[in-house]
Amino acid sequence: MNGKRLIATIVVVVLVSLSQSADAQLPNPSDNPNFGKPNTPTISPYLNLLSRSRGSFTGNYFTQYRPQQDFYRARNQARNSIYRLQQEQRAQAAGLRSEVQNVTGTGHTTFFMNFGGYFPR
């Protein structure tokens, strides 16, 4: 009995590992050429090690300050967009709730297997 279970388990593992993705699944985000770019640094951290302009304004401005400010600006824009979408969603949900409360009945009662006099008795 244990041998049959082992063989069945191996067959299931092999079939699962060889199966393709289902159509209902989203495509792999790593196939997107822009995937992961926001997570990568805008400049190489090694530029600071070899920088001859350590004390100069332009060297620090373009290699450290400016990319950091760009990152903060993009992060704040994303945060504001998410906040705005959440507010719109809440407003739509509140409007939908008020519309559902205003819905009245159809004016007649009904029940399962009610043929409404269609078939004579």
PDB file of N, CA and C in Angstrom:
ATOM      1  N   MET A   1       0.820  -1.188   0.000  1.00  0.00           N
ATOM      2  CA  MET A   1       0.000   0.000   0.000  1.00  0.00           C
ATOM      3  C   MET A   1       0.866   1.256   0.000  1.00  0.00           C
ATOM      4  N   ASN A   2       1.975   1.220   0.770  1.00  0.00           N
ATOM      5  CA  ASN A   2       2.860   2.381   0.824  1.00  0.00           C
ATOM      6  C   ASN A   2       3.548   2.608  -0.519  1.00  0.00           C
ATOM      7  N   GLY A   3       3.838   1.561  -1.242  1.00  0.00           N
ATOM      8  CA  GLY A   3       4.467   1.685  -2.559  1.00  0.00           C
ATOM      9  C   GLY A   3       3.549   2.375  -3.552  1.00  0.00           C
ATOM     10  N   LYS A   4       2.242   2.065  -3.485  1.00  0.00           N
ATOM     11  CA  LYS A   4       1.279   2.701  -4.389  1.00  0.00           C
ATOM     12  C   LYS A   4       1.141   4.187  -4.064  1.00  0.00           C
ATOM     13  N   ARG A   5       1.162   4.519  -2.778  1.00  0.00           N
ATOM     14  CA  ARG A   5       1.067   5.936  -2.388  1.00  0.00           C
ATOM     15  C   ARG A   5       2.301   6.700  -2.854  1.00  0.00           C
ATOM     16  N   LEU A   6       3.445   6.087  -2.711  1.00  0.00           N
ATOM     17  CA  LEU A   6       4.679   6.723  -3.130  1.00  0.00           C
ATOM     18  C   LEU A   6       4.673   6.975  -4.631  1.00  0.00           C
ATOM     19  N   ILE A   7       4.258   5.992  -5.395  1.00  0.00           N
ATOM     20  CA  ILE A   7       4.197   6.136  -6.853  1.00  0.00           C
ATOM     21  C   ILE A   7       3.181   7.209  -7.229  1.00  0.00           C
ATOM     22  N   ALA A   8       2.015   7.210  -6.572  1.00  0.00           N
ATOM     23  CA  ALA A   8       0.992   8.218  -6.858  1.00  0.00           C
ATOM     24  C   ALA A   8       1.498   9.612  -6.524  1.00  0.00           C
ATOM     25  N   THR A   9       2.213   9.746  -5.422  1.00  0.00           N
ATOM     26  CA  THR A   9       2.758  11.045  -5.034  1.00  0.00           C
ATOM     27  C   THR A   9       3.792  11.525  -6.043  1.00  0.00           C
ATOM     28  N   ILE A  10       4.641  10.638  -6.485  1.00  0.00           N
ATOM     29  CA  ILE A  10       5.661  11.002  -7.477  1.00  0.00           C
ATOM     30  C   ILE A  10       5.003  11.427  -8.786  1.00  0.00           C
ATOM     31  N   VAL A  11       3.970  10.691  -9.204  1.00  0.00           N
ATOM     32  CA  VAL A  11       3.265  11.036 -10.444  1.00  0.00           C
ATOM     33  C   VAL A  11       2.625  12.417 -10.322  1.00  0.00           C
ATOM     34  N   VAL A  12       2.009  12.703  -9.185  1.00  0.00           N
ATOM     35  CA  VAL A  12       1.367  14.005  -8.986  1.00  0.00           C
ATOM     36  C   VAL A  12       2.410  15.122  -8.999  1.00  0.00           C
ATOM     37  N   VAL A  13       3.540  14.905  -8.330  1.00  0.00           N
ATOM     38  CA  VAL A  13       4.584  15.930  -8.291  1.00  0.00           C
ATOM     39  C   VAL A  13       5.133  16.189  -9.687  1.00  0.00           C
ATOM     40  N   VAL A  14       5.342  15.143 -10.470  1.00  0.00           N
ATOM     41  CA  VAL A  14       5.862  15.304 -11.829  1.00  0.00           C
ATOM     42  C   VAL A  14       4.846  16.044 -12.695  1.00  0.00           C
ATOM     43  N   LEU A  15       3.573  15.681 -12.588  1.00  0.00           N
ATOM     44  CA  LEU A  15       2.544  16.347 -13.396  1.00  0.00           C
ATOM     45  C   LEU A  15       2.403  17.818 -13.028  1.00  0.00           C
ATOM     46  N   VAL A  16       2.457  18.127 -11.748  1.00  0.00           N
ATOM     47  CA  VAL A  16       2.335  19.518 -11.317  1.00  0.00           C
ATOM     48  C   VAL A  16       3.540  20.327 -11.772  1.00  0.00           C
ATOM     49  N   SER A  17       4.722  19.751 -11.696  1.00  0.00           N
ATOM     50  CA  SER A  17       5.920  20.495 -12.093  1.00  0.00           C
ATOM     51  C   SER A  17       5.987  20.708 -13.602  1.00  0.00           C
ATOM     52  N   LEU A  18       5.362  19.852 -14.387  1.00  0.00           N
ATOM     53  CA  LEU A  18       5.389  19.996 -15.842  1.00  0.00           C
ATOM     54  C   LEU A  18       4.207  20.786 -16.388  1.00  0.00           C
ATOM     55  N   SER A  19       3.250  21.124 -15.549  1.00  0.00           N
ATOM     56  CA  SER A  19       2.046  21.797 -16.036  1.00  0.00           C
ATOM     57  C   SER A  19       2.326  23.251 -16.385  1.00  0.00           C
ATOM     58  N   GLN A  20       1.563  23.767 -17.319  1.00  0.00           N
ATOM     59  CA  GLN A  20       1.654  25.167 -17.726  1.00  0.00           C
ATOM     60  C   GLN A  20       0.760  26.000 -16.819  1.00  0.00           C
ATOM     61  N   SER A  21       0.880  27.323 -16.904  1.00  0.00           N
ATOM     62  CA  SER A  21       0.019  28.184 -16.098  1.00  0.00           C
ATOM     63  C   SER A  21      -1.389  28.169 -16.682  1.00  0.00           C
ATOM     64  N   ALA A  22      -2.363  28.341 -15.823  1.00  0.00           N
ATOM     65  CA  ALA A  22      -3.752  28.359 -16.257  1.00  0.00           C
ATOM     66  C   ALA A  22      -4.056  29.685 -16.942  1.00  0.00           C
ATOM     67  N   ASP A  23      -5.077  29.699 -17.781  1.00  0.00           N
ATOM     68  CA  ASP A  23      -5.442  30.919 -18.494  1.00  0.00           C
ATOM     69  C   ASP A  23      -5.945  32.002 -17.553  1.00  0.00           C
ATOM     70  N   ALA A  24      -6.478  31.631 -16.413  1.00  0.00           N
ATOM     71  CA  ALA A  24      -7.032  32.607 -15.488  1.00  0.00           C
ATOM     72  C   ALA A  24      -5.949  33.334 -14.703  1.00  0.00           C
ATOM     73  N   GLN A  25      -4.722  32.864 -14.753  1.00  0.00           N
ATOM     74  CA  GLN A  25      -3.656  33.508 -14.002  1.00  0.00           C
ATOM     75  C   GLN A  25      -3.134  34.726 -14.754  1.00  0.00           C
ATOM     76  N   LEU A  26      -2.665  35.686 -13.992  1.00  0.00           N
ATOM     77  CA  LEU A  26      -2.082  36.875 -14.587  1.00  0.00           C
ATOM     78  C   LEU A  26      -0.737  36.534 -15.214  1.00  0.00           C
ATOM     79  N   PRO A  27      -0.330  37.296 -16.218  1.00  0.00           N
ATOM     80  CA  PRO A  27       0.982  37.027 -16.801  1.00  0.00           C
ATOM     81  C   PRO A  27       2.095  37.314 -15.803  1.00  0.00           C
ATOM     82  N   ASN A  28       3.213  36.704 -16.032  1.00  0.00           N
ATOM     83  CA  ASN A  28       4.355  36.860 -15.144  1.00  0.00           C
ATOM     84  C   ASN A  28       4.871  38.290 -15.230  1.00  0.00           C
ATOM     85  N   PRO A  29       4.921  39.030 -14.101  1.00  0.00           N
ATOM     86  CA  PRO A  29       5.370  40.422 -14.183  1.00  0.00           C
ATOM     87  C   PRO A  29       6.836  40.564 -14.566  1.00  0.00           C
ATOM     88  N   SER A  30       7.625  39.520 -14.395  1.00  0.00           N
ATOM     89  CA  SER A  30       9.040  39.633 -14.757  1.00  0.00           C
ATOM     90  C   SER A  30       9.225  39.630 -16.272  1.00  0.00           C
ATOM     91  N   ASP A  31       8.177  39.293 -17.043  1.00  0.00           N
ATOM     92  CA  ASP A  31       8.261  39.379 -18.501  1.00  0.00           C
ATOM     93  C   ASP A  31       8.198  40.831 -18.970  1.00  0.00           C
ATOM     94  N   ASN A  32       7.733  41.715 -18.112  1.00  0.00           N
ATOM     95  CA  ASN A  32       7.644  43.130 -18.438  1.00  0.00           C
ATOM     96  C   ASN A  32       9.042  43.739 -18.379  1.00  0.00           C
ATOM     97  N   PRO A  33       9.471  44.465 -19.421  1.00  0.00           N
ATOM     98  CA  PRO A  33      10.829  45.036 -19.388  1.00  0.00           C
ATOM     99  C   PRO A  33      10.996  46.102 -18.306  1.00  0.00           C
ATOM    100  N   ASN A  34       9.920  46.717 -17.840  1.00  0.00           N
ATOM    101  CA  ASN A  34      10.023  47.738 -16.800  1.00  0.00           C
ATOM    102  C   ASN A  34       9.888  47.157 -15.399  1.00  0.00           C
ATOM    103  N   PHE A  35       9.757  45.848 -15.293  1.00  0.00           N
ATOM    104  CA  PHE A  35       9.566  45.225 -13.984  1.00  0.00           C
ATOM    105  C   PHE A  35      10.819  45.403 -13.141  1.00  0.00           C
ATOM    106  N   GLY A  36      10.662  45.891 -11.928  1.00  0.00           N
ATOM    107  CA  GLY A  36      11.762  46.022 -10.997  1.00  0.00           C
ATOM    108  C   GLY A  36      12.546  47.307 -11.106  1.00  0.00           C
ATOM    109  N   LYS A  37      12.249  48.148 -12.075  1.00  0.00           N
ATOM    110  CA  LYS A  37      13.029  49.380 -12.215  1.00  0.00           C
ATOM    111  C   LYS A  37      12.850  50.338 -11.042  1.00  0.00           C
ATOM    112  N   PRO A  38      11.640  50.503 -10.484  1.00  0.00           N
ATOM    113  CA  PRO A  38      11.539  51.411  -9.341  1.00  0.00           C
ATOM    114  C   PRO A  38      12.328  50.927  -8.124  1.00  0.00           C
ATOM    115  N   ASN A  39      12.583  49.642  -8.042  1.00  0.00           N
ATOM    116  CA  ASN A  39      13.298  49.103  -6.890  1.00  0.00           C
ATOM    117  C   ASN A  39      14.811  49.172  -7.049  1.00  0.00           C
ATOM    118  N   THR A  40      15.274  49.458  -8.248  1.00  0.00           N
ATOM    119  CA  THR A  40      16.711  49.520  -8.464  1.00  0.00           C
ATOM    120  C   THR A  40      17.207  50.936  -8.178  1.00  0.00           C
ATOM    121  N   PRO A  41      18.422  51.084  -7.732  1.00  0.00           N
ATOM    122  CA  PRO A  41      18.923  52.435  -7.457  1.00  0.00           C
ATOM    123  C   PRO A  41      19.052  53.228  -8.751  1.00  0.00           C
ATOM    124  N   THR A  42      18.831  54.537  -8.635  1.00  0.00           N
ATOM    125  CA  THR A  42      18.914  55.377  -9.828  1.00  0.00           C
ATOM    126  C   THR A  42      20.349  55.589 -10.262  1.00  0.00           C
ATOM    127  N   ILE A  43      21.263  55.511  -9.339  1.00  0.00           N
ATOM    128  CA  ILE A  43      22.688  55.625  -9.672  1.00  0.00           C
ATOM    129  C   ILE A  43      23.424  54.483  -8.993  1.00  0.00           C
ATOM    130  N   SER A  44      24.601  54.211  -9.492  1.00  0.00           N
ATOM    131  CA  SER A  44      25.410  53.157  -8.904  1.00  0.00           C
ATOM    132  C   SER A  44      25.999  53.625  -7.576  1.00  0.00           C
ATOM    133  N   PRO A  45      25.938  52.802  -6.534  1.00  0.00           N
ATOM    134  CA  PRO A  45      26.541  53.193  -5.273  1.00  0.00           C
ATOM    135  C   PRO A  45      28.060  53.302  -5.361  1.00  0.00           C
ATOM    136  N   TYR A  46      28.656  52.719  -6.397  1.00  0.00           N
ATOM    137  CA  TYR A  46      30.102  52.754  -6.546  1.00  0.00           C
ATOM    138  C   TYR A  46      30.605  54.093  -7.081  1.00  0.00           C
ATOM    139  N   LEU A  47      29.688  54.926  -7.596  1.00  0.00           N
ATOM    140  CA  LEU A  47      30.114  56.234  -8.084  1.00  0.00           C
ATOM    141  C   LEU A  47      30.684  57.078  -6.957  1.00  0.00           C
ATOM    142  N   ASN A  48      30.175  56.915  -5.760  1.00  0.00           N
ATOM    143  CA  ASN A  48      30.672  57.677  -4.625  1.00  0.00           C
ATOM    144  C   ASN A  48      32.086  57.268  -4.243  1.00  0.00           C
ATOM    145  N   LEU A  49      32.437  56.015  -4.457  1.00  0.00           N
ATOM    146  CA  LEU A  49      33.759  55.554  -4.048  1.00  0.00           C
ATOM    147  C   LEU A  49      34.868  56.174  -4.892  1.00  0.00           C
ATOM    148  N   LEU A  50      34.599  56.349  -6.161  1.00  0.00           N
ATOM    149  CA  LEU A  50      35.619  56.857  -7.066  1.00  0.00           C
ATOM    150  C   LEU A  50      35.443  58.328  -7.395  1.00  0.00           C
ATOM    151  N   SER A  51      34.501  58.976  -6.741  1.00  0.00           N
ATOM    152  CA  SER A  51      34.205  60.366  -7.051  1.00  0.00           C
ATOM    153  C   SER A  51      35.351  61.276  -6.623  1.00  0.00           C
ATOM    154  N   ARG A  52      35.832  62.094  -7.541  1.00  0.00           N
ATOM    155  CA  ARG A  52      36.881  63.052  -7.218  1.00  0.00           C
ATOM    156  C   ARG A  52      36.271  64.356  -6.718  1.00  0.00           C
ATOM    157  N   SER A  53      34.990  64.494  -6.941  1.00  0.00           N
ATOM    158  CA  SER A  53      34.324  65.741  -6.565  1.00  0.00           C
ATOM    159  C   SER A  53      33.506  65.536  -5.289  1.00  0.00           C
ATOM    160  N   ARG A  54      34.125  64.987  -4.276  1.00  0.00           N
ATOM    161  CA  ARG A  54      33.391  64.693  -3.040  1.00  0.00           C
ATOM    162  C   ARG A  54      32.843  65.947  -2.389  1.00  0.00           C
ATOM    163  N   GLY A  55      33.565  66.999  -2.435  1.00  0.00           N
ATOM    164  CA  GLY A  55      33.126  68.197  -1.751  1.00  0.00           C
ATOM    165  C   GLY A  55      32.412  69.174  -2.660  1.00  0.00           C
ATOM    166  N   SER A  56      32.397  68.938  -3.952  1.00  0.00           N
ATOM    167  CA  SER A  56      31.797  69.911  -4.865  1.00  0.00           C
ATOM    168  C   SER A  56      30.277  69.809  -4.830  1.00  0.00           C
ATOM    169  N   PHE A  57      29.647  70.916  -5.107  1.00  0.00           N
ATOM    170  CA  PHE A  57      28.193  70.987  -5.089  1.00  0.00           C
ATOM    171  C   PHE A  57      27.580  70.168  -6.213  1.00  0.00           C
ATOM    172  N   THR A  58      28.107  70.298  -7.421  1.00  0.00           N
ATOM    173  CA  THR A  58      27.503  69.609  -8.567  1.00  0.00           C
ATOM    174  C   THR A  58      27.641  68.104  -8.460  1.00  0.00           C
ATOM    175  N   GLY A  59      28.761  67.638  -7.940  1.00  0.00           N
ATOM    176  CA  GLY A  59      28.928  66.191  -7.792  1.00  0.00           C
ATOM    177  C   GLY A  59      27.912  65.599  -6.832  1.00  0.00           C
ATOM    178  N   ASN A  60      27.729  66.219  -5.696  1.00  0.00           N
ATOM    179  CA  ASN A  60      26.754  65.720  -4.730  1.00  0.00           C
ATOM    180  C   ASN A  60      25.329  65.951  -5.193  1.00  0.00           C
ATOM    181  N   TYR A  61      25.093  67.051  -5.890  1.00  0.00           N
ATOM    182  CA  TYR A  61      23.729  67.372  -6.325  1.00  0.00           C
ATOM    183  C   TYR A  61      23.227  66.347  -7.328  1.00  0.00           C
ATOM    184  N   PHE A  62      24.022  66.038  -8.334  1.00  0.00           N
ATOM    185  CA  PHE A  62      23.553  65.151  -9.391  1.00  0.00           C
ATOM    186  C   PHE A  62      23.679  63.677  -9.044  1.00  0.00           C
ATOM    187  N   THR A  63      24.531  63.321  -8.102  1.00  0.00           N
ATOM    188  CA  THR A  63      24.688  61.901  -7.785  1.00  0.00           C
ATOM    189  C   THR A  63      23.946  61.470  -6.535  1.00  0.00           C
ATOM    190  N   GLN A  64      23.600  62.404  -5.663  1.00  0.00           N
ATOM    191  CA  GLN A  64      22.926  62.014  -4.428  1.00  0.00           C
ATOM    192  C   GLN A  64      21.616  62.748  -4.220  1.00  0.00           C
ATOM    193  N   TYR A  65      21.663  64.063  -4.194  1.00  0.00           N
ATOM    194  CA  TYR A  65      20.496  64.848  -3.811  1.00  0.00           C
ATOM    195  C   TYR A  65      19.370  64.742  -4.832  1.00  0.00           C
ATOM    196  N   ARG A  66      19.685  64.947  -6.094  1.00  0.00           N
ATOM    197  CA  ARG A  66      18.653  64.954  -7.134  1.00  0.00           C
ATOM    198  C   ARG A  66      17.944  63.606  -7.272  1.00  0.00           C
ATOM    199  N   PRO A  67      18.658  62.472  -7.344  1.00  0.00           N
ATOM    200  CA  PRO A  67      17.950  61.190  -7.413  1.00  0.00           C
ATOM    201  C   PRO A  67      17.091  60.921  -6.182  1.00  0.00           C
ATOM    202  N   GLN A  68      17.551  61.330  -5.021  1.00  0.00           N
ATOM    203  CA  GLN A  68      16.770  61.132  -3.804  1.00  0.00           C
ATOM    204  C   GLN A  68      15.493  61.959  -3.856  1.00  0.00           C
ATOM    205  N   GLN A  69      15.574  63.186  -4.328  1.00  0.00           N
ATOM    206  CA  GLN A  69      14.384  64.034  -4.437  1.00  0.00           C
ATOM    207  C   GLN A  69      13.413  63.482  -5.483  1.00  0.00           C
ATOM    208  N   ASP A  70      13.938  62.958  -6.577  1.00  0.00           N
ATOM    209  CA  ASP A  70      13.083  62.336  -7.590  1.00  0.00           C
ATOM    210  C   ASP A  70      12.356  61.129  -7.020  1.00  0.00           C
ATOM    211  N   PHE A  71      13.072  60.340  -6.235  1.00  0.00           N
ATOM    212  CA  PHE A  71      12.455  59.180  -5.605  1.00  0.00           C
ATOM    213  C   PHE A  71      11.343  59.611  -4.650  1.00  0.00           C
ATOM    214  N   TYR A  72      11.604  60.608  -3.809  1.00  0.00           N
ATOM    215  CA  TYR A  72      10.589  61.084  -2.866  1.00  0.00           C
ATOM    216  C   TYR A  72       9.374  61.651  -3.595  1.00  0.00           C
ATOM    217  N   ARG A  73       9.604  62.358  -4.674  1.00  0.00           N
ATOM    218  CA  ARG A  73       8.502  62.924  -5.451  1.00  0.00           C
ATOM    219  C   ARG A  73       7.646  61.808  -6.048  1.00  0.00           C
ATOM    220  N   ALA A  74       8.271  60.795  -6.627  1.00  0.00           N
ATOM    221  CA  ALA A  74       7.529  59.680  -7.215  1.00  0.00           C
ATOM    222  C   ALA A  74       6.765  58.913  -6.141  1.00  0.00           C
ATOM    223  N   ARG A  75       7.387  58.725  -4.982  1.00  0.00           N
ATOM    224  CA  ARG A  75       6.710  58.022  -3.896  1.00  0.00           C
ATOM    225  C   ARG A  75       5.491  58.797  -3.416  1.00  0.00           C
ATOM    226  N   ASN A  76       5.621  60.105  -3.282  1.00  0.00           N
ATOM    227  CA  ASN A  76       4.495  60.928  -2.838  1.00  0.00           C
ATOM    228  C   ASN A  76       3.383  60.955  -3.869  1.00  0.00           C
ATOM    229  N   GLN A  77       3.735  60.973  -5.146  1.00  0.00           N
ATOM    230  CA  GLN A  77       2.713  60.930  -6.188  1.00  0.00           C
ATOM    231  C   GLN A  77       1.951  59.604  -6.142  1.00  0.00           C
ATOM    232  N   ALA A  78       2.661  58.516  -5.945  1.00  0.00           N
ATOM    233  CA  ALA A  78       2.006  57.214  -5.848  1.00  0.00           C
ATOM    234  C   ALA A  78       1.108  57.153  -4.616  1.00  0.00           C
ATOM    235  N   ARG A  79       1.598  57.667  -3.495  1.00  0.00           N
ATOM    236  CA  ARG A  79       0.802  57.681  -2.271  1.00  0.00           C
ATOM    237  C   ARG A  79      -0.463  58.520  -2.455  1.00  0.00           C
ATOM    238  N   ASN A  80      -0.339  59.688  -3.090  1.00  0.00           N
ATOM    239  CA  ASN A  80      -1.507  60.540  -3.314  1.00  0.00           C
ATOM    240  C   ASN A  80      -2.495  59.896  -4.276  1.00  0.00           C
ATOM    241  N   SER A  81      -1.988  59.201  -5.286  1.00  0.00           N
ATOM    242  CA  SER A  81      -2.875  58.521  -6.235  1.00  0.00           C
ATOM    243  C   SER A  81      -3.646  57.410  -5.541  1.00  0.00           C
ATOM    244  N   ILE A  82      -2.973  56.651  -4.706  1.00  0.00           N
ATOM    245  CA  ILE A  82      -3.647  55.578  -3.976  1.00  0.00           C
ATOM    246  C   ILE A  82      -4.692  56.163  -3.033  1.00  0.00           C
ATOM    247  N   TYR A  83      -4.354  57.233  -2.342  1.00  0.00           N
ATOM    248  CA  TYR A  83      -5.299  57.872  -1.428  1.00  0.00           C
ATOM    249  C   TYR A  83      -6.523  58.380  -2.187  1.00  0.00           C
ATOM    250  N   ARG A  84      -6.300  59.020  -3.352  1.00  0.00           N
ATOM    251  CA  ARG A  84      -7.416  59.530  -4.150  1.00  0.00           C
ATOM    252  C   ARG A  84      -8.314  58.392  -4.634  1.00  0.00           C
ATOM    253  N   LEU A  85      -7.710  57.290  -5.072  1.00  0.00           N
ATOM    254  CA  LEU A  85      -8.510  56.146  -5.532  1.00  0.00           C
ATOM    255  C   LEU A  85      -9.314  55.541  -4.388  1.00  0.00           C
ATOM    256  N   GLN A  86      -8.734  55.480  -3.190  1.00  0.00           N
ATOM    257  CA  GLN A  86      -9.468  54.960  -2.044  1.00  0.00           C
ATOM    258  C   GLN A  86     -10.648  55.861  -1.704  1.00  0.00           C
ATOM    259  N   GLN A  87     -10.450  57.177  -1.780  1.00  0.00           N
ATOM    260  CA  GLN A  87     -11.538  58.108  -1.506  1.00  0.00           C
ATOM    261  C   GLN A  87     -12.654  57.959  -2.542  1.00  0.00           C
ATOM    262  N   GLU A  88     -12.293  57.822  -3.813  1.00  0.00           N
ATOM    263  CA  GLU A  88     -13.299  57.616  -4.857  1.00  0.00           C
ATOM    264  C   GLU A  88     -14.067  56.322  -4.639  1.00  0.00           C
ATOM    265  N   GLN A  89     -13.360  55.280  -4.232  1.00  0.00           N
ATOM    266  CA  GLN A  89     -14.010  53.998  -3.986  1.00  0.00           C
ATOM    267  C   GLN A  89     -14.987  54.111  -2.825  1.00  0.00           C
ATOM    268  N   ARG A  90     -14.590  54.794  -1.754  1.00  0.00           N
ATOM    269  CA  ARG A  90     -15.488  54.974  -0.614  1.00  0.00           C
ATOM    270  C   ARG A  90     -16.714  55.790  -1.000  1.00  0.00           C
ATOM    271  N   ALA A  91     -16.519  56.826  -1.803  1.00  0.00           N
ATOM    272  CA  ALA A  91     -17.645  57.655  -2.231  1.00  0.00           C
ATOM    273  C   ALA A  91     -18.607  56.853  -3.100  1.00  0.00           C
ATOM    274  N   GLN A  92     -18.081  56.042  -4.000  1.00  0.00           N
ATOM    275  CA  GLN A  92     -18.937  55.217  -4.842  1.00  0.00           C
ATOM    276  C   GLN A  92     -19.676  54.181  -4.016  1.00  0.00           C
ATOM    277  N   ALA A  93     -19.013  53.591  -3.036  1.00  0.00           N
ATOM    278  CA  ALA A  93     -19.668  52.594  -2.184  1.00  0.00           C
ATOM    279  C   ALA A  93     -20.778  53.242  -1.363  1.00  0.00           C
ATOM    280  N   ALA A  94     -20.544  54.465  -0.863  1.00  0.00           N
ATOM    281  CA  ALA A  94     -21.577  55.160  -0.091  1.00  0.00           C
ATOM    282  C   ALA A  94     -22.769  55.502  -0.978  1.00  0.00           C
ATOM    283  N   GLY A  95     -22.507  55.943  -2.210  1.00  0.00           N
ATOM    284  CA  GLY A  95     -23.591  56.242  -3.146  1.00  0.00           C
ATOM    285  C   GLY A  95     -24.379  55.001  -3.506  1.00  0.00           C
ATOM    286  N   LEU A  96     -23.696  53.897  -3.670  1.00  0.00           N
ATOM    287  CA  LEU A  96     -24.370  52.642  -4.000  1.00  0.00           C
ATOM    288  C   LEU A  96     -25.239  52.184  -2.839  1.00  0.00           C
ATOM    289  N   ARG A  97     -24.738  52.339  -1.607  1.00  0.00           N
ATOM    290  CA  ARG A  97     -25.541  51.954  -0.440  1.00  0.00           C
ATOM    291  C   ARG A  97     -26.805  52.792  -0.348  1.00  0.00           C
ATOM    292  N   SER A  98     -26.708  54.093  -0.619  1.00  0.00           N
ATOM    293  CA  SER A  98     -27.896  54.934  -0.529  1.00  0.00           C
ATOM    294  C   SER A  98     -28.886  54.592  -1.639  1.00  0.00           C
ATOM    295  N   GLU A  99     -28.400  54.212  -2.823  1.00  0.00           N
ATOM    296  CA  GLU A  99     -29.300  53.817  -3.902  1.00  0.00           C
ATOM    297  C   GLU A  99     -29.992  52.497  -3.584  1.00  0.00           C
ATOM    298  N   VAL A 100     -29.282  51.580  -2.960  1.00  0.00           N
ATOM    299  CA  VAL A 100     -29.874  50.289  -2.619  1.00  0.00           C
ATOM    300  C   VAL A 100     -30.961  50.467  -1.570  1.00  0.00           C
ATOM    301  N   GLN A 101     -30.764  51.406  -0.654  1.00  0.00           N
ATOM    302  CA  GLN A 101     -31.773  51.636   0.380  1.00  0.00           C
ATOM    303  C   GLN A 101     -33.035  52.249  -0.204  1.00  0.00           C
ATOM    304  N   ASN A 102     -32.946  52.968  -1.300  1.00  0.00           N
ATOM    305  CA  ASN A 102     -34.101  53.610  -1.918  1.00  0.00           C
ATOM    306  C   ASN A 102     -34.890  52.671  -2.816  1.00  0.00           C
ATOM    307  N   VAL A 103     -34.414  51.477  -3.067  1.00  0.00           N
ATOM    308  CA  VAL A 103     -35.106  50.539  -3.937  1.00  0.00           C
ATOM    309  C   VAL A 103     -36.331  50.003  -3.202  1.00  0.00           C
ATOM    310  N   THR A 104     -37.469  50.077  -3.868  1.00  0.00           N
ATOM    311  CA  THR A 104     -38.718  49.571  -3.268  1.00  0.00           C
ATOM    312  C   THR A 104     -39.080  48.243  -3.901  1.00  0.00           C
ATOM    313  N   GLY A 105     -40.100  47.627  -3.365  1.00  0.00           N
ATOM    314  CA  GLY A 105     -40.555  46.336  -3.879  1.00  0.00           C
ATOM    315  C   GLY A 105     -41.208  46.487  -5.238  1.00  0.00           C
ATOM    316  N   THR A 106     -41.544  45.361  -5.861  1.00  0.00           N
ATOM    317  CA  THR A 106     -42.129  45.379  -7.202  1.00  0.00           C
ATOM    318  C   THR A 106     -43.633  45.560  -7.174  1.00  0.00           C
ATOM    319  N   GLY A 107     -44.269  45.454  -6.013  1.00  0.00           N
ATOM    320  CA  GLY A 107     -45.709  45.676  -5.932  1.00  0.00           C
ATOM    321  C   GLY A 107     -46.521  44.399  -5.826  1.00  0.00           C
ATOM    322  N   HIS A 108     -45.927  43.260  -6.038  1.00  0.00           N
ATOM    323  CA  HIS A 108     -46.668  42.010  -5.860  1.00  0.00           C
ATOM    324  C   HIS A 108     -45.758  40.980  -5.200  1.00  0.00           C
ATOM    325  N   THR A 109     -46.384  40.069  -4.481  1.00  0.00           N
ATOM    326  CA  THR A 109     -45.606  39.029  -3.815  1.00  0.00           C
ATOM    327  C   THR A 109     -45.481  37.828  -4.732  1.00  0.00           C
ATOM    328  N   THR A 110     -44.454  37.078  -4.512  1.00  0.00           N
ATOM    329  CA  THR A 110     -44.235  35.878  -5.304  1.00  0.00           C
ATOM    330  C   THR A 110     -43.545  34.841  -4.437  1.00  0.00           C
ATOM    331  N   PHE A 111     -43.553  33.623  -4.907  1.00  0.00           N
ATOM    332  CA  PHE A 111     -42.881  32.545  -4.210  1.00  0.00           C
ATOM    333  C   PHE A 111     -42.511  31.483  -5.221  1.00  0.00           C
ATOM    334  N   PHE A 112     -41.733  30.510  -4.803  1.00  0.00           N
ATOM    335  CA  PHE A 112     -41.237  29.456  -5.676  1.00  0.00           C
ATOM    336  C   PHE A 112     -42.398  28.609  -6.193  1.00  0.00           C
ATOM    337  N   MET A 113     -42.361  28.284  -7.448  1.00  0.00           N
ATOM    338  CA  MET A 113     -43.367  27.461  -8.146  1.00  0.00           C
ATOM    339  C   MET A 113     -44.725  28.158  -8.223  1.00  0.00           C
ATOM    340  N   ASN A 114     -44.740  29.480  -8.171  1.00  0.00           N
ATOM    341  CA  ASN A 114     -45.978  30.234  -8.346  1.00  0.00           C
ATOM    342  C   ASN A 114     -46.140  30.506  -9.830  1.00  0.00           C
ATOM    343  N   PHE A 115     -47.135  29.909 -10.426  1.00  0.00           N
ATOM    344  CA  PHE A 115     -47.356  30.088 -11.870  1.00  0.00           C
ATOM    345  C   PHE A 115     -48.354  31.198 -12.157  1.00  0.00           C
ATOM    346  N   GLY A 116     -48.835  31.852 -11.117  1.00  0.00           N
ATOM    347  CA  GLY A 116     -49.686  33.033 -11.287  1.00  0.00           C
ATOM    348  C   GLY A 116     -50.948  32.767 -12.072  1.00  0.00           C
ATOM    349  N   GLY A 117     -51.563  31.645 -11.899  1.00  0.00           N
ATOM    350  CA  GLY A 117     -52.811  31.347 -12.589  1.00  0.00           C
ATOM    351  C   GLY A 117     -52.627  30.921 -14.029  1.00  0.00           C
ATOM    352  N   TYR A 118     -51.434  30.641 -14.450  1.00  0.00           N
ATOM    353  CA  TYR A 118     -51.197  30.240 -15.829  1.00  0.00           C
ATOM    354  C   TYR A 118     -51.809  28.868 -16.109  1.00  0.00           C
ATOM    355  N   PHE A 119     -51.645  27.940 -15.165  1.00  0.00           N
ATOM    356  CA  PHE A 119     -52.235  26.616 -15.324  1.00  0.00           C
ATOM    357  C   PHE A 119     -53.540  26.564 -14.542  1.00  0.00           C
ATOM    358  N   PRO A 120     -54.626  26.156 -15.172  1.00  0.00           N
ATOM    359  CA  PRO A 120     -55.898  26.071 -14.428  1.00  0.00           C
ATOM    360  C   PRO A 120     -55.874  24.905 -13.439  1.00  0.00           C
ATOM    361  N   ARG A 121     -56.680  25.035 -12.412  1.00  0.00           N
ATOM    362  CA  ARG A 121     -56.745  23.982 -11.404  1.00  0.00           C
ATOM    363  C   ARG A 121     -57.768  22.968 -11.717  1.00  0.00           C
TER     364      ARG A 121
END
